[in-house]
C-alpha atoms as a PDB file:
ATOM      1  CA  MET A   1      -1.974 -14.281  -0.263  1.00  0.00           C
ATOM      2  CA  TYR A   2       0.357 -13.850   2.605  1.00  0.00           C
ATOM      3  CA  LYS A   3      -1.926 -14.216   5.451  1.00  0.00           C
ATOM      4  CA  GLY A   4      -0.125 -13.952   8.725  1.00  0.00           C
ATOM      5  CA  HIS A   5       2.774 -12.019   7.249  1.00  0.00           C
ATOM      6  CA  TRP A   6       1.317  -8.462   6.681  1.00  0.00           C
ATOM      7  CA  ALA A   7      -0.857  -6.120   9.086  1.00  0.00           C
ATOM      8  CA  PRO A   8      -4.569  -6.928   8.267  1.00  0.00           C
ATOM      9  CA  GLU A   9      -5.104  -3.438   6.491  1.00  0.00           C
ATOM     10  CA  THR A  10      -2.059  -4.382   4.324  1.00  0.00           C
ATOM     11  CA  TYR A  11      -3.372  -7.601   3.650  1.00  0.00           C
ATOM     12  CA  ASN A  12      -6.766  -6.099   2.682  1.00  0.00           C
ATOM     13  CA  ARG A  13      -5.368  -3.236   0.435  1.00  0.00           C
ATOM     14  CA  CYS A  14      -3.689  -5.894  -1.399  1.00  0.00           C
ATOM     15  CA  LYS A  15      -6.752  -8.049  -1.859  1.00  0.00           C
ATOM     16  CA  THR A  16      -8.754  -5.142  -2.810  1.00  0.00           C
ATOM     17  CA  VAL A  17      -6.259  -4.253  -5.576  1.00  0.00           C
ATOM     18  CA  LEU A  18      -5.987  -8.049  -6.946  1.00  0.00           C
ATOM     19  CA  SER A  19      -9.461  -8.185  -7.103  1.00  0.00           C
ATOM     20  CA  GLY A  20      -9.839  -4.840  -9.082  1.00  0.00           C
ATOM     21  CA  VAL A  21      -6.947  -6.240 -11.869  1.00  0.00           C
ATOM     22  CA  TYR A  22      -9.072  -9.216 -11.886  1.00  0.00           C
ATOM     23  CA  LEU A  23     -12.191  -7.522 -12.292  1.00  0.00           C
ATOM     24  CA  LEU A  24     -10.516  -5.186 -15.043  1.00  0.00           C
ATOM     25  CA  GLY A  25      -9.488  -8.732 -16.779  1.00  0.00           C
ATOM     26  CA  ILE A  26     -12.920 -10.073 -16.642  1.00  0.00           C
ATOM     27  CA  GLU A  27     -14.236  -6.984 -18.139  1.00  0.00           C
ATOM     28  CA  ASN A  28     -11.916  -7.146 -20.851  1.00  0.00           C
ATOM     29  CA  LYS A  29     -12.531 -10.920 -21.504  1.00  0.00           C
ATOM     30  CA  LYS A  30      -8.432 -11.675 -20.340  1.00  0.00           C
ATOM     31  CA  VAL A  31      -9.654 -14.078 -17.698  1.00  0.00           C
ATOM     32  CA  THR A  32     -13.197 -15.856 -16.618  1.00  0.00           C
ATOM     33  CA  VAL A  33     -12.684 -15.739 -12.671  1.00  0.00           C
ATOM     34  CA  ASN A  34     -11.532 -13.774  -9.779  1.00  0.00           C
ATOM     35  CA  PRO A  35      -9.701 -16.063  -7.557  1.00  0.00           C
ATOM     36  CA  ALA A  36      -8.674 -12.830  -5.433  1.00  0.00           C
ATOM     37  CA  ARG A  37     -12.645 -12.556  -4.244  1.00  0.00           C
ATOM     38  CA  LEU A  38     -12.081 -15.973  -2.274  1.00  0.00           C
ATOM     39  CA  PRO A  39      -9.738 -14.913   0.767  1.00  0.00           C
ATOM     40  CA  GLU A  40     -11.735 -13.566   3.578  1.00  0.00           C
ATOM     41  CA  ARG A  41     -10.754 -10.007   4.417  1.00  0.00           C
ATOM     42  CA  GLN A  42      -8.912  -9.644   8.019  1.00  0.00           C
ATOM     43  CA  THR A  43     -10.386  -7.610  10.708  1.00  0.00           C
ATOM     44  CA  PRO A  44      -8.151  -4.359  10.976  1.00  0.00           C
ATOM     45  CA  THR A  45      -6.557  -3.486  14.108  1.00  0.00           C
ATOM     46  CA  ASP A  46      -7.373  -0.475  15.898  1.00  0.00           C
ATOM     47  CA  GLU A  47      -3.272   0.547  16.301  1.00  0.00           C
ATOM     48  CA  ARG A  48      -2.525   4.096  15.629  1.00  0.00           C
ATOM     49  CA  ALA A  49      -0.473   4.838  12.854  1.00  0.00           C
ATOM     50  CA  ARG A  50       3.240   6.136  13.422  1.00  0.00           C
ATOM     51  CA  TYR A  51       4.829   8.975  11.556  1.00  0.00           C
ATOM     52  CA  LEU A  52       8.238  10.119  10.960  1.00  0.00           C
ATOM     53  CA  SER A  53       9.788  12.513  13.267  1.00  0.00           C
ATOM     54  CA  PRO A  54      11.592  15.211  11.540  1.00  0.00           C
ATOM     55  CA  ALA A  55      14.595  13.873  12.178  1.00  0.00           C
ATOM     56  CA  GLU A  56      13.742  10.536  10.763  1.00  0.00           C
ATOM     57  CA  GLU A  57      12.221  12.168   7.508  1.00  0.00           C
ATOM     58  CA  GLN A  58      15.595  13.860   7.053  1.00  0.00           C
ATOM     59  CA  ALA A  59      17.837  10.912   7.380  1.00  0.00           C
ATOM     60  CA  LEU A  60      15.440   9.092   5.014  1.00  0.00           C
ATOM     61  CA  ARG A  61      15.314  11.728   2.391  1.00  0.00           C
ATOM     62  CA  ILE A  62      19.091  11.829   2.478  1.00  0.00           C
ATOM     63  CA  THR A  63      19.029   8.048   1.794  1.00  0.00           C
ATOM     64  CA  ILE A  64      16.509   8.322  -0.953  1.00  0.00           C
ATOM     65  CA  ARG A  65      18.555  11.039  -2.627  1.00  0.00           C
ATOM     66  CA  THR A  66      22.128   9.293  -2.265  1.00  0.00           C
ATOM     67  CA  ASP A  67      20.784   5.779  -3.185  1.00  0.00           C
ATOM     68  CA  TRP A  68      17.616   6.335  -5.389  1.00  0.00           C
ATOM     69  CA  PRO A  69      17.104   9.740  -6.361  1.00  0.00           C
ATOM     70  CA  GLU A  70      14.499   8.825  -9.104  1.00  0.00           C
ATOM     71  CA  HIS A  71      12.207   7.766  -6.182  1.00  0.00           C
ATOM     72  CA  GLU A  72      11.970  10.757  -4.171  1.00  0.00           C
ATOM     73  CA  PHE A  73       8.965  11.917  -5.483  1.00  0.00           C
ATOM     74  CA  GLU A  74       7.314   8.894  -4.131  1.00  0.00           C
ATOM     75  CA  LEU A  75       8.362  10.076  -0.725  1.00  0.00           C
ATOM     76  CA  ASP A  76       6.939  13.199  -1.424  1.00  0.00           C
ATOM     77  CA  ILE A  77       3.689  11.917  -2.610  1.00  0.00           C
ATOM     78  CA  ALA A  78       3.337   9.837   0.759  1.00  0.00           C
ATOM     79  CA  LEU A  79       4.223  12.682   2.788  1.00  0.00           C
ATOM     80  CA  GLN A  80       1.590  14.849   1.019  1.00  0.00           C
ATOM     81  CA  TYR A  81      -0.815  12.181   1.814  1.00  0.00           C
ATOM     82  CA  ARG A  82      -0.094  11.969   5.416  1.00  0.00           C
ATOM     83  CA  ASN A  83      -0.396  15.719   5.892  1.00  0.00           C
ATOM     84  CA  ALA A  84      -3.172  16.214   4.116  1.00  0.00           C
ATOM     85  CA  PRO A  85      -6.351  17.337   6.235  1.00  0.00           C
ATOM     86  CA  GLN A  86      -8.810  14.494   7.029  1.00  0.00           C
END
């Protein structure tokens, strides 16, 4: 894992996903061990999430539409998640 290179929250999410993939592999008898369970979880920070301003969102959307139009739906999904009631 990339301990120290990512925010603790990102590190923990990646560890969780990898562990889930290995668990699926174990259940399907493709692997016998889950090496993703070994690294310890990192302590999350108390930092606030930073959201895009309307101007930043518009600039990002223009860039995505110009360079990677097939990925615009991913931005839409991320922004819907961000705006969803908690």
